[in-house]
């Protein structure tokens, strides 16, 4: 099956392309590198020629809420319209577990708009909501780093390996549209501070972590079990320890 991956050269996208190819399918990596601008629609019609399914993992680092909402709205509108012109039969969207319970996060606000547009659109769809990736704790520490000190909020999460996310996306894309959201998560629940400490220690980084919500890039509304998946979530096989060993081995 010919499957387009929007954002196909990014972190999740390239692993999804690899998973599709390994399963014998014909993936098309769609990104600026391939001459496509999803925010304007430029190049989308050519990229989706002959495509039967689309996996959308496009992302943005915008932290302003209005800007993030505009990005995801424009990107999704353009992709869905191009899919309709191309006769695409399945749109798979990568989203995030817990976004409906976190109002103050700009990225989550954009993803909520994206989910609504996909579920209300004309293309048969499946939404795959993932928990955070194993890379996330070190990223948070990097955002707040000031010299040898970083602030990391003490939140619970059930993170997952990117390769496990990609495997599910590839599997779902070549199957029948479900018309619903499914959740995926890693095998274990972890504390963000502990994961950041272990990741940075394994990398030989001596940064001192301060566990606090104050001056954190994440809001306290994420505390408790807000970011944990439901009981029916699909569980990836890669543990944090295995991922960490692969990063340092």
Protein backbone atom coordinates (compact mmCIF):
# COMPACT_ATOMS: atom_id res chain seq x y z
CA UNK A 1 0.00 0.00 0.00
CA UNK A 2 1.19 3.51 -0.81
CA UNK A 3 1.10 5.57 2.40
CA UNK A 4 2.10 9.21 2.79
CA UNK A 5 3.64 10.35 6.06
CA UNK A 6 3.16 14.07 6.69
CA UNK A 7 6.25 15.16 8.60
CA UNK A 8 8.01 12.08 7.30
CA UNK A 9 11.56 13.30 7.94
CA UNK A 10 11.00 14.23 11.60
CA UNK A 11 11.51 12.17 14.75
CA UNK A 12 8.29 10.15 14.52
CA UNK A 13 7.92 10.42 10.78
CA UNK A 14 11.17 8.79 9.79
CA UNK A 15 10.51 5.82 12.08
CA UNK A 16 7.01 5.49 10.65
CA UNK A 17 8.44 5.48 7.14
CA UNK A 18 10.87 2.75 8.19
CA UNK A 19 8.09 0.68 9.80
CA UNK A 20 5.92 0.90 6.68
CA UNK A 21 8.81 -0.06 4.42
CA UNK A 22 9.80 -2.98 6.66
CA UNK A 23 6.21 -4.28 6.42
CA UNK A 24 6.40 -4.26 2.62
CA UNK A 25 4.50 -1.04 1.93
CA UNK A 26 5.42 2.00 -0.17
CA UNK A 27 5.88 5.01 2.15
CA UNK A 28 6.12 8.58 0.90
CA UNK A 29 7.88 11.01 3.24
CA UNK A 30 6.16 14.38 2.91
CA UNK A 31 8.01 17.40 4.29
CA UNK A 32 9.66 20.65 3.31
CA UNK A 33 12.64 18.59 2.23
CA UNK A 34 10.44 16.98 -0.43
CA UNK A 35 9.15 20.36 -1.59
CA UNK A 36 5.87 20.36 0.35
CA UNK A 37 4.60 23.17 2.58
CA UNK A 38 1.58 21.92 4.52
CA UNK A 39 0.81 25.40 5.89
CA UNK A 40 0.09 26.67 2.36
CA UNK A 41 -0.73 23.38 0.63
CA UNK A 42 2.11 23.78 -1.87
CA UNK A 43 3.15 20.41 -3.31
CA UNK A 44 0.51 18.36 -1.47
CA UNK A 45 -1.43 17.28 -4.56
CA UNK A 46 1.70 15.91 -6.19
CA UNK A 47 2.84 14.21 -2.98
CA UNK A 48 -0.50 12.42 -2.48
CA UNK A 49 -0.81 11.14 -6.03
CA UNK A 50 -1.66 7.43 -5.84
CA UNK A 51 -1.67 7.46 -2.04
CA UNK A 52 -4.26 5.27 -0.26
CA UNK A 53 -3.65 6.37 3.33
CA UNK A 54 -2.03 9.31 5.11
CA UNK A 55 -0.33 9.41 8.50
CA UNK A 56 -0.08 12.95 9.86
CA UNK A 57 2.70 13.44 12.41
CA UNK A 58 3.48 17.07 11.50
CA UNK A 59 4.59 19.11 14.49
CA UNK A 60 5.51 22.63 15.52
CA UNK A 61 7.55 24.23 18.27
CA UNK A 62 5.28 27.29 18.49
CA UNK A 63 4.54 28.25 22.10
CA UNK A 64 2.03 31.03 21.45
CA UNK A 65 -1.49 29.58 21.64
CA UNK A 66 -2.96 31.53 18.72
CA UNK A 67 0.02 30.71 16.52
CA UNK A 68 -0.13 27.00 17.38
CA UNK A 69 -3.86 26.90 16.70
CA UNK A 70 -3.39 28.63 13.34
CA UNK A 71 -0.61 26.24 12.36
CA UNK A 72 -2.56 23.06 13.11
CA UNK A 73 -5.78 24.43 11.59
CA UNK A 74 -4.10 25.45 8.33
CA UNK A 75 -2.03 22.28 8.09
CA UNK A 76 -5.00 20.01 8.72
CA UNK A 77 -7.31 21.90 6.37
CA UNK A 78 -4.79 21.69 3.54
CA UNK A 79 -3.99 18.02 4.09
CA UNK A 80 -7.64 16.94 4.31
CA UNK A 81 -8.54 18.91 1.18
CA UNK A 82 -5.66 17.38 -0.77
CA UNK A 83 -6.65 13.92 0.45
CA UNK A 84 -10.18 14.43 -0.82
CA UNK A 85 -8.91 15.48 -4.24
CA UNK A 86 -6.59 12.45 -4.33
CA UNK A 87 -9.24 9.97 -3.18
CA UNK A 88 -7.35 8.98 -0.01
CA UNK A 89 -9.33 6.47 2.03
CA UNK A 90 -7.79 6.73 5.50
CA UNK A 91 -6.40 9.63 7.52
CA UNK A 92 -4.38 8.68 10.61
CA UNK A 93 -3.58 11.46 13.05
CA UNK A 94 -0.99 11.27 15.81
CA UNK A 95 -2.23 13.12 18.89
CA UNK A 96 -1.46 13.20 22.61
CA UNK A 97 -3.03 11.54 25.64
CA UNK A 98 -4.66 13.94 28.08
CA UNK A 99 -4.99 17.05 25.93
CA UNK A 100 -8.66 17.58 26.83
CA UNK A 101 -7.72 18.02 30.50
CA UNK A 102 -4.94 20.58 29.99
CA UNK A 103 -6.33 23.95 28.99
CA UNK A 104 -3.27 26.17 29.40
CA UNK A 105 -0.87 24.40 27.01
CA UNK A 106 -0.61 26.11 23.61
CA UNK A 107 0.45 22.95 21.78
CA UNK A 108 -2.43 20.96 23.24
CA UNK A 109 -4.89 23.68 22.20
CA UNK A 110 -3.70 23.32 18.61
CA UNK A 111 -3.98 19.54 18.76
CA UNK A 112 -7.57 19.80 20.02
CA UNK A 113 -8.48 21.84 16.96
CA UNK A 114 -6.72 19.32 14.76
CA UNK A 115 -8.57 16.38 16.31
CA UNK A 116 -11.92 18.11 15.84
CA UNK A 117 -11.21 18.88 12.18
CA UNK A 118 -10.20 15.28 11.47
CA UNK A 119 -13.17 13.73 13.26
CA UNK A 120 -15.61 16.13 11.56
CA UNK A 121 -13.98 15.82 8.14
CA UNK A 122 -14.97 13.83 5.06
CA UNK A 123 -11.99 11.45 5.08
CA UNK A 124 -12.40 8.18 7.07
CA UNK A 125 -10.10 8.50 10.06
CA UNK A 126 -8.33 7.04 13.07
CA UNK A 127 -6.70 9.12 15.82
CA UNK A 128 -3.78 7.58 17.71
CA UNK A 129 -3.17 9.45 20.98
CA UNK A 130 0.24 8.73 22.45
CA UNK A 131 1.76 9.46 25.82
CA UNK A 132 5.03 11.41 25.93
CA UNK A 133 8.17 9.90 24.44
CA UNK A 134 11.19 8.73 26.43
CA UNK A 135 13.07 11.72 25.00
CA UNK A 136 10.69 14.16 26.71
CA UNK A 137 12.26 14.48 30.22
CA UNK A 138 15.66 15.53 28.90
CA UNK A 139 13.92 17.98 26.55
CA UNK A 140 12.13 19.62 29.49
CA UNK A 141 15.42 19.92 31.37
CA UNK A 142 16.92 21.56 28.30
CA UNK A 143 14.11 24.11 28.06
CA UNK A 144 14.70 25.33 31.61
CA UNK A 145 18.46 25.02 31.82
CA UNK A 146 20.32 27.91 33.37
CA UNK A 147 23.99 27.09 33.70
CA UNK A 148 24.27 23.85 35.67
CA UNK A 149 20.65 23.99 36.90
CA UNK A 150 17.35 22.89 35.37
CA UNK A 151 13.79 22.99 36.67
CA UNK A 152 11.71 19.86 36.04
CA UNK A 153 8.14 19.52 37.34
CA UNK A 154 7.29 16.36 39.33
CA UNK A 155 4.58 14.89 37.13
CA UNK A 156 3.53 11.30 36.44
CA UNK A 157 3.70 9.90 32.95
CA UNK A 158 3.66 6.57 31.15
CA UNK A 159 6.10 7.32 28.36
CA UNK A 160 6.68 5.29 25.24
CA UNK A 161 9.48 4.65 22.75
CA UNK A 162 9.14 6.46 19.43
CA UNK A 163 9.74 3.22 17.54
CA UNK A 164 6.73 1.67 19.28
CA UNK A 165 4.59 4.67 18.31
CA UNK A 166 5.74 4.36 14.72
CA UNK A 167 4.92 0.66 14.63
CA UNK A 168 1.34 1.32 15.73
CA UNK A 169 0.91 4.17 13.25
CA UNK A 170 2.13 1.97 10.40
CA UNK A 171 -0.15 -0.86 11.43
CA UNK A 172 -3.20 1.36 11.80
CA UNK A 173 -2.58 3.15 8.50
CA UNK A 174 -2.83 0.01 6.39
CA UNK A 175 -5.92 -1.22 8.24
CA UNK A 176 -9.53 -0.10 8.07
CA UNK A 177 -10.39 3.34 9.48
CA UNK A 178 -11.71 3.00 13.02
CA UNK A 179 -13.53 6.33 13.27
CA UNK A 180 -12.39 6.68 16.86
CA UNK A 181 -9.43 7.54 19.06
CA UNK A 182 -7.14 4.86 20.45
CA UNK A 183 -4.49 5.45 23.12
CA UNK A 184 -0.97 4.05 23.21
CA UNK A 185 1.51 4.14 26.09
CA UNK A 186 4.67 2.56 27.43
CA UNK A 187 4.78 -0.40 29.82
CA UNK A 188 5.49 1.51 33.04
CA UNK A 189 4.55 4.68 34.93
CA UNK A 190 7.45 7.02 35.75
CA UNK A 191 8.17 10.34 37.43
CA UNK A 192 9.44 13.02 35.06
CA UNK A 193 12.17 14.24 37.43
CA UNK A 194 13.57 10.75 37.97
CA UNK A 195 13.58 10.04 34.22
CA UNK A 196 15.35 13.32 33.48
CA UNK A 197 17.97 12.58 36.15
CA UNK A 198 18.64 9.08 34.84
CA UNK A 199 18.78 10.18 31.21
CA UNK A 200 21.16 13.04 31.83
CA UNK A 201 23.35 10.94 34.14
CA UNK A 202 23.62 8.28 31.43
CA UNK A 203 24.76 11.00 29.04
CA UNK A 204 27.37 12.24 31.50
CA UNK A 205 25.60 15.56 32.02
CA UNK A 206 26.20 16.92 35.56
CA UNK A 207 23.21 19.31 35.52
CA UNK A 208 21.47 19.78 38.87
CA UNK A 209 17.72 19.19 38.68
CA UNK A 210 15.27 21.16 40.78
CA UNK A 211 11.86 19.49 41.16
CA UNK A 212 9.34 22.33 41.01
CA UNK A 213 6.27 23.60 39.19
CA UNK A 214 7.40 27.19 39.72
CA UNK A 215 9.05 28.64 36.60
CA UNK A 216 8.31 25.37 34.80
CA UNK A 217 7.27 25.36 31.12
CA UNK A 218 4.48 22.94 32.07
CA UNK A 219 1.41 23.96 34.06
CA UNK A 220 0.43 22.48 37.40
CA UNK A 221 -2.81 21.31 35.74
CA UNK A 222 -0.68 18.44 34.42
CA UNK A 223 -0.03 17.17 37.96
CA UNK A 224 -1.41 13.90 39.30
CA UNK A 225 -2.62 11.35 36.77
CA UNK A 226 -3.77 13.77 34.06
CA UNK A 227 -1.24 12.52 31.51
CA UNK A 228 -1.78 8.81 32.18
CA UNK A 229 -3.72 6.74 29.61
CA UNK A 230 -6.94 4.85 30.15
CA UNK A 231 -7.14 1.17 30.99
CA UNK A 232 -7.75 0.18 27.36
CA UNK A 233 -4.57 1.76 25.98
CA UNK A 234 -2.32 -0.30 23.75
CA UNK A 235 1.01 -0.86 25.47
CA UNK A 236 4.38 -0.66 23.73
CA UNK A 237 7.00 -3.27 24.50
CA UNK A 238 10.13 -1.13 24.92
CA UNK A 239 10.91 -0.25 28.55
CA UNK A 240 12.61 2.94 29.65
CA UNK A 241 15.62 0.91 30.79
CA UNK A 242 15.95 -0.70 27.35
CA UNK A 243 15.63 2.66 25.64
CA UNK A 244 18.21 4.19 27.97
CA UNK A 245 20.65 1.35 27.35
CA UNK A 246 20.23 1.84 23.59
CA UNK A 247 21.03 5.52 23.94
CA UNK A 248 24.21 4.96 25.95
CA UNK A 249 25.39 1.59 24.70
